[in-house]
Amino acid sequence: MPNSPLITKSKDFALDIIKVCNYVKQNKKESVLTNQLIRSGTSIGANIREAFYGHGSADFIAKLQIALKECSESEYWIELLIESGYYDNKEILYKCIEIKKLLISSINTAKSNKTN
């Protein structure tokens, strides 16, 4: 598997998401938002890994775009948890935004390499 910061950061993010969701479920007794967040937050890394084993550049780009959609959804759920008072550490939000920026950059690079 390629040694990619995107792969590493997305896996670390997934592990952080699991911890955040477990904390909120146990301490705030909230499960609707956390169930959504755990699904989307762990899906990012799974789609990134799939991208690296895709069938050509079009499949690679498509999988990264799915990961970007999941990342954007995760950002939304994290914002809701923070703004509703269920969770107050914004570090997880900053990590999500960083991954989103990396995904956008990777997609743009892959698209420009595809057309060259």
N, C-alpha and C. Protein backbone atom coordinates (compact mmCIF):
# COMPACT_ATOMS: atom_id res chain seq x y z
N MET A 1 0.86 -1.18 0.00
CA MET A 1 0.00 0.00 0.00
C MET A 1 0.90 1.23 0.00
N PRO A 2 0.56 2.22 -0.79
CA PRO A 2 1.37 3.43 -0.85
C PRO A 2 1.47 4.12 0.52
N ASN A 3 2.62 4.71 0.77
CA ASN A 3 2.82 5.45 2.02
C ASN A 3 2.30 6.86 1.80
N SER A 4 1.03 7.04 1.99
CA SER A 4 0.37 8.31 1.70
C SER A 4 -0.09 8.99 2.99
N PRO A 5 0.19 10.28 3.13
CA PRO A 5 -0.34 11.01 4.29
C PRO A 5 -1.87 10.94 4.36
N LEU A 6 -2.51 10.86 3.21
CA LEU A 6 -3.97 10.79 3.16
C LEU A 6 -4.46 9.49 3.80
N ILE A 7 -3.78 8.40 3.52
CA ILE A 7 -4.15 7.11 4.11
C ILE A 7 -3.94 7.15 5.63
N THR A 8 -2.79 7.64 6.04
CA THR A 8 -2.45 7.70 7.47
C THR A 8 -3.40 8.62 8.22
N LYS A 9 -3.61 9.82 7.71
CA LYS A 9 -4.47 10.80 8.40
C LYS A 9 -5.92 10.34 8.46
N SER A 10 -6.39 9.70 7.40
CA SER A 10 -7.79 9.25 7.40
C SER A 10 -8.01 8.10 8.38
N LYS A 11 -7.01 7.23 8.54
CA LYS A 11 -7.15 6.14 9.52
C LYS A 11 -7.10 6.71 10.93
N ASP A 12 -6.17 7.61 11.18
CA ASP A 12 -6.10 8.26 12.50
C ASP A 12 -7.40 8.99 12.81
N PHE A 13 -7.96 9.64 11.79
CA PHE A 13 -9.22 10.36 11.96
C PHE A 13 -10.34 9.38 12.31
N ALA A 14 -10.39 8.25 11.63
CA ALA A 14 -11.42 7.24 11.92
C ALA A 14 -11.33 6.76 13.36
N LEU A 15 -10.11 6.53 13.83
CA LEU A 15 -9.93 6.11 15.22
C LEU A 15 -10.37 7.21 16.19
N ASP A 16 -10.06 8.46 15.85
CA ASP A 16 -10.52 9.58 16.68
C ASP A 16 -12.05 9.68 16.68
N ILE A 17 -12.65 9.46 15.54
CA ILE A 17 -14.12 9.51 15.43
C ILE A 17 -14.75 8.45 16.33
N ILE A 18 -14.19 7.26 16.32
CA ILE A 18 -14.70 6.19 17.17
C ILE A 18 -14.65 6.62 18.64
N LYS A 19 -13.53 7.21 19.05
CA LYS A 19 -13.39 7.67 20.43
C LYS A 19 -14.38 8.78 20.76
N VAL A 20 -14.53 9.75 19.87
CA VAL A 20 -15.47 10.85 20.09
C VAL A 20 -16.89 10.31 20.22
N CYS A 21 -17.27 9.44 19.31
CA CYS A 21 -18.63 8.90 19.33
C CYS A 21 -18.89 8.08 20.59
N ASN A 22 -17.92 7.28 20.99
CA ASN A 22 -18.08 6.51 22.23
C ASN A 22 -18.21 7.43 23.43
N TYR A 23 -17.41 8.49 23.46
CA TYR A 23 -17.49 9.45 24.56
C TYR A 23 -18.89 10.10 24.62
N VAL A 24 -19.37 10.58 23.47
CA VAL A 24 -20.67 11.26 23.43
C VAL A 24 -21.79 10.29 23.80
N LYS A 25 -21.73 9.07 23.29
CA LYS A 25 -22.76 8.08 23.62
C LYS A 25 -22.80 7.78 25.12
N GLN A 26 -21.62 7.61 25.71
CA GLN A 26 -21.55 7.25 27.13
C GLN A 26 -21.87 8.42 28.05
N ASN A 27 -21.36 9.60 27.73
CA ASN A 27 -21.47 10.74 28.65
C ASN A 27 -22.64 11.67 28.37
N LYS A 28 -23.10 11.70 27.15
CA LYS A 28 -24.21 12.61 26.81
C LYS A 28 -25.48 11.86 26.41
N LYS A 29 -25.37 10.55 26.34
CA LYS A 29 -26.52 9.69 26.00
C LYS A 29 -27.15 10.09 24.66
N GLU A 30 -26.30 10.45 23.71
CA GLU A 30 -26.77 10.84 22.38
C GLU A 30 -26.31 9.79 21.39
N SER A 31 -27.22 9.29 20.54
CA SER A 31 -26.82 8.26 19.59
C SER A 31 -27.21 8.55 18.15
N VAL A 32 -28.15 9.43 17.90
CA VAL A 32 -28.59 9.70 16.52
C VAL A 32 -27.46 10.34 15.72
N LEU A 33 -26.89 11.42 16.25
CA LEU A 33 -25.81 12.12 15.55
C LEU A 33 -24.56 11.25 15.49
N THR A 34 -24.24 10.57 16.58
CA THR A 34 -23.02 9.77 16.61
C THR A 34 -23.09 8.57 15.68
N ASN A 35 -24.27 7.98 15.53
CA ASN A 35 -24.40 6.87 14.58
C ASN A 35 -24.11 7.33 13.16
N GLN A 36 -24.59 8.51 12.81
CA GLN A 36 -24.32 9.07 11.49
C GLN A 36 -22.84 9.39 11.32
N LEU A 37 -22.26 10.00 12.35
CA LEU A 37 -20.86 10.41 12.29
C LEU A 37 -19.92 9.22 12.20
N ILE A 38 -20.19 8.18 12.96
CA ILE A 38 -19.28 7.03 12.93
C ILE A 38 -19.31 6.37 11.55
N ARG A 39 -20.46 6.37 10.92
CA ARG A 39 -20.58 5.78 9.58
C ARG A 39 -19.79 6.59 8.56
N SER A 40 -20.03 7.90 8.54
CA SER A 40 -19.36 8.73 7.54
C SER A 40 -17.88 8.93 7.86
N GLY A 41 -17.55 9.08 9.14
CA GLY A 41 -16.18 9.34 9.53
C GLY A 41 -15.22 8.18 9.30
N THR A 42 -15.73 6.97 9.43
CA THR A 42 -14.88 5.80 9.17
C THR A 42 -14.87 5.42 7.69
N SER A 43 -15.86 5.87 6.96
CA SER A 43 -15.96 5.58 5.53
C SER A 43 -14.91 6.33 4.71
N ILE A 44 -14.47 7.47 5.21
CA ILE A 44 -13.49 8.28 4.47
C ILE A 44 -12.25 7.44 4.16
N GLY A 45 -11.65 6.89 5.19
CA GLY A 45 -10.43 6.09 5.02
C GLY A 45 -10.65 4.85 4.18
N ALA A 46 -11.80 4.22 4.35
CA ALA A 46 -12.10 3.03 3.55
C ALA A 46 -12.13 3.36 2.06
N ASN A 47 -12.74 4.46 1.71
CA ASN A 47 -12.80 4.86 0.30
C ASN A 47 -11.44 5.30 -0.23
N ILE A 48 -10.64 5.93 0.61
CA ILE A 48 -9.29 6.31 0.20
C ILE A 48 -8.46 5.06 -0.08
N ARG A 49 -8.55 4.08 0.78
CA ARG A 49 -7.82 2.82 0.54
C ARG A 49 -8.28 2.16 -0.74
N GLU A 50 -9.59 2.14 -0.96
CA GLU A 50 -10.10 1.57 -2.20
C GLU A 50 -9.56 2.30 -3.41
N ALA A 51 -9.43 3.62 -3.30
CA ALA A 51 -8.94 4.43 -4.43
C ALA A 51 -7.56 3.97 -4.88
N PHE A 52 -6.70 3.64 -3.93
CA PHE A 52 -5.34 3.25 -4.27
C PHE A 52 -5.28 1.89 -4.95
N TYR A 53 -6.36 1.14 -4.91
CA TYR A 53 -6.42 -0.14 -5.60
C TYR A 53 -7.50 -0.14 -6.68
N GLY A 54 -7.82 1.03 -7.18
CA GLY A 54 -8.85 1.17 -8.20
C GLY A 54 -8.39 0.67 -9.56
N HIS A 55 -9.32 0.64 -10.46
CA HIS A 55 -9.07 0.21 -11.84
C HIS A 55 -8.82 1.43 -12.71
N GLY A 56 -7.65 1.98 -12.61
CA GLY A 56 -7.30 3.13 -13.44
C GLY A 56 -7.59 4.45 -12.76
N SER A 57 -7.24 5.51 -13.45
CA SER A 57 -7.34 6.85 -12.86
C SER A 57 -8.79 7.31 -12.65
N ALA A 58 -9.69 6.91 -13.53
CA ALA A 58 -11.09 7.32 -13.35
C ALA A 58 -11.68 6.72 -12.07
N ASP A 59 -11.36 5.47 -11.80
CA ASP A 59 -11.84 4.81 -10.58
C ASP A 59 -11.18 5.44 -9.35
N PHE A 60 -9.88 5.75 -9.46
CA PHE A 60 -9.15 6.41 -8.37
C PHE A 60 -9.84 7.73 -8.01
N ILE A 61 -10.13 8.53 -9.02
CA ILE A 61 -10.76 9.84 -8.80
C ILE A 61 -12.17 9.66 -8.22
N ALA A 62 -12.91 8.71 -8.75
CA ALA A 62 -14.28 8.47 -8.27
C ALA A 62 -14.29 8.09 -6.79
N LYS A 63 -13.36 7.22 -6.37
CA LYS A 63 -13.30 6.81 -4.96
C LYS A 63 -12.90 7.98 -4.07
N LEU A 64 -11.96 8.81 -4.53
CA LEU A 64 -11.58 9.98 -3.75
C LEU A 64 -12.74 10.96 -3.64
N GLN A 65 -13.53 11.07 -4.68
CA GLN A 65 -14.70 11.96 -4.62
C GLN A 65 -15.74 11.45 -3.64
N ILE A 66 -15.89 10.14 -3.55
CA ILE A 66 -16.80 9.57 -2.54
C ILE A 66 -16.25 9.87 -1.14
N ALA A 67 -14.94 9.71 -0.96
CA ALA A 67 -14.32 10.02 0.33
C ALA A 67 -14.54 11.49 0.68
N LEU A 68 -14.46 12.37 -0.30
CA LEU A 68 -14.68 13.80 -0.08
C LEU A 68 -16.12 14.06 0.37
N LYS A 69 -17.08 13.39 -0.24
CA LYS A 69 -18.48 13.53 0.17
C LYS A 69 -18.68 13.07 1.61
N GLU A 70 -18.07 11.94 1.95
CA GLU A 70 -18.17 11.43 3.32
C GLU A 70 -17.50 12.38 4.30
N CYS A 71 -16.41 12.99 3.88
CA CYS A 71 -15.69 13.94 4.73
C CYS A 71 -16.56 15.18 4.98
N SER A 72 -17.20 15.66 3.93
CA SER A 72 -18.08 16.81 4.08
C SER A 72 -19.26 16.49 5.00
N GLU A 73 -19.80 15.29 4.86
CA GLU A 73 -20.89 14.87 5.74
C GLU A 73 -20.41 14.79 7.19
N SER A 74 -19.22 14.24 7.38
CA SER A 74 -18.66 14.14 8.73
C SER A 74 -18.48 15.53 9.34
N GLU A 75 -18.00 16.45 8.54
CA GLU A 75 -17.83 17.82 9.01
C GLU A 75 -19.16 18.38 9.52
N TYR A 76 -20.23 18.11 8.81
CA TYR A 76 -21.56 18.56 9.21
C TYR A 76 -21.97 17.97 10.57
N TRP A 77 -21.80 16.64 10.73
CA TRP A 77 -22.18 15.99 11.99
C TRP A 77 -21.34 16.50 13.15
N ILE A 78 -20.04 16.72 12.91
CA ILE A 78 -19.17 17.26 13.95
C ILE A 78 -19.62 18.66 14.35
N GLU A 79 -19.94 19.48 13.35
CA GLU A 79 -20.43 20.84 13.65
C GLU A 79 -21.69 20.78 14.50
N LEU A 80 -22.59 19.86 14.18
CA LEU A 80 -23.82 19.72 14.97
C LEU A 80 -23.51 19.29 16.41
N LEU A 81 -22.60 18.35 16.58
CA LEU A 81 -22.23 17.92 17.93
C LEU A 81 -21.65 19.08 18.74
N ILE A 82 -20.80 19.87 18.09
CA ILE A 82 -20.16 21.00 18.78
C ILE A 82 -21.17 22.10 19.08
N GLU A 83 -21.93 22.49 18.07
CA GLU A 83 -22.86 23.61 18.23
C GLU A 83 -24.04 23.28 19.13
N SER A 84 -24.36 22.00 19.28
CA SER A 84 -25.46 21.60 20.17
C SER A 84 -24.98 21.41 21.61
N GLY A 85 -23.67 21.46 21.81
CA GLY A 85 -23.13 21.31 23.15
C GLY A 85 -22.82 19.88 23.57
N TYR A 86 -22.98 18.92 22.66
CA TYR A 86 -22.67 17.53 23.02
C TYR A 86 -21.17 17.28 23.09
N TYR A 87 -20.38 18.06 22.35
CA TYR A 87 -18.93 17.86 22.32
C TYR A 87 -18.29 19.22 22.16
N ASP A 88 -17.20 19.47 22.89
CA ASP A 88 -16.65 20.83 22.86
C ASP A 88 -15.21 20.94 22.36
N ASN A 89 -14.58 19.84 22.00
CA ASN A 89 -13.21 19.89 21.51
C ASN A 89 -13.22 20.02 19.99
N LYS A 90 -12.82 21.17 19.48
CA LYS A 90 -12.88 21.44 18.04
C LYS A 90 -11.73 20.81 17.26
N GLU A 91 -10.81 20.15 17.93
CA GLU A 91 -9.67 19.54 17.25
C GLU A 91 -10.12 18.53 16.19
N ILE A 92 -11.16 17.77 16.49
CA ILE A 92 -11.66 16.78 15.53
C ILE A 92 -12.19 17.47 14.28
N LEU A 93 -12.79 18.64 14.44
CA LEU A 93 -13.28 19.40 13.29
C LEU A 93 -12.11 19.87 12.44
N TYR A 94 -11.05 20.34 13.08
CA TYR A 94 -9.87 20.81 12.34
C TYR A 94 -9.21 19.66 11.57
N LYS A 95 -9.19 18.48 12.16
CA LYS A 95 -8.64 17.31 11.47
C LYS A 95 -9.48 16.95 10.25
N CYS A 96 -10.78 17.06 10.39
CA CYS A 96 -11.69 16.77 9.29
C CYS A 96 -11.46 17.75 8.14
N ILE A 97 -11.33 19.02 8.47
CA ILE A 97 -11.10 20.05 7.45
C ILE A 97 -9.76 19.83 6.76
N GLU A 98 -8.76 19.42 7.51
CA GLU A 98 -7.44 19.14 6.91
C GLU A 98 -7.54 18.00 5.90
N ILE A 99 -8.25 16.94 6.26
CA ILE A 99 -8.43 15.81 5.34
C ILE A 99 -9.21 16.26 4.11
N LYS A 100 -10.21 17.08 4.31
CA LYS A 100 -11.00 17.59 3.18
C LYS A 100 -10.10 18.36 2.20
N LYS A 101 -9.23 19.20 2.73
CA LYS A 101 -8.30 19.95 1.88
C LYS A 101 -7.35 19.02 1.13
N LEU A 102 -6.85 18.00 1.82
CA LEU A 102 -5.97 17.03 1.17
C LEU A 102 -6.70 16.28 0.05
N LEU A 103 -7.95 15.92 0.31
CA LEU A 103 -8.74 15.22 -0.70
C LEU A 103 -8.97 16.11 -1.93
N ILE A 104 -9.33 17.35 -1.70
CA ILE A 104 -9.57 18.28 -2.81
C ILE A 104 -8.29 18.43 -3.64
N SER A 105 -7.17 18.60 -2.97
CA SER A 105 -5.89 18.73 -3.65
C SER A 105 -5.55 17.47 -4.44
N SER A 106 -5.76 16.32 -3.83
CA SER A 106 -5.45 15.04 -4.50
C SER A 106 -6.34 14.82 -5.71
N ILE A 107 -7.61 15.15 -5.58
CA ILE A 107 -8.54 15.00 -6.71
C ILE A 107 -8.13 15.93 -7.85
N ASN A 108 -7.82 17.17 -7.52
CA ASN A 108 -7.41 18.13 -8.55
C ASN A 108 -6.13 17.68 -9.24
N THR A 109 -5.18 17.18 -8.48
CA THR A 109 -3.92 16.68 -9.07
C THR A 109 -4.19 15.48 -9.96
N ALA A 110 -4.99 14.55 -9.49
CA ALA A 110 -5.30 13.37 -10.29
C ALA A 110 -6.03 13.74 -11.57
N LYS A 111 -6.93 14.69 -11.50
CA LYS A 111 -7.64 15.13 -12.71
C LYS A 111 -6.69 15.80 -13.69
N SER A 112 -5.79 16.63 -13.20
CA SER A 112 -4.87 17.31 -14.11
C SER A 112 -3.87 16.33 -14.71
N ASN A 113 -3.46 15.30 -13.96
CA ASN A 113 -2.56 14.27 -14.50
C ASN A 113 -3.26 13.41 -15.53
N LYS A 114 -4.55 13.24 -15.37
CA LYS A 114 -5.34 12.42 -16.29
C LYS A 114 -5.46 13.10 -17.66
N THR A 115 -5.58 14.43 -17.64
CA THR A 115 -5.76 15.15 -18.91
C THR A 115 -4.45 15.43 -19.60
N ASN A 116 -3.32 15.29 -18.89
CA ASN A 116 -2.00 15.57 -19.51
C ASN A 116 -1.48 14.37 -20.25
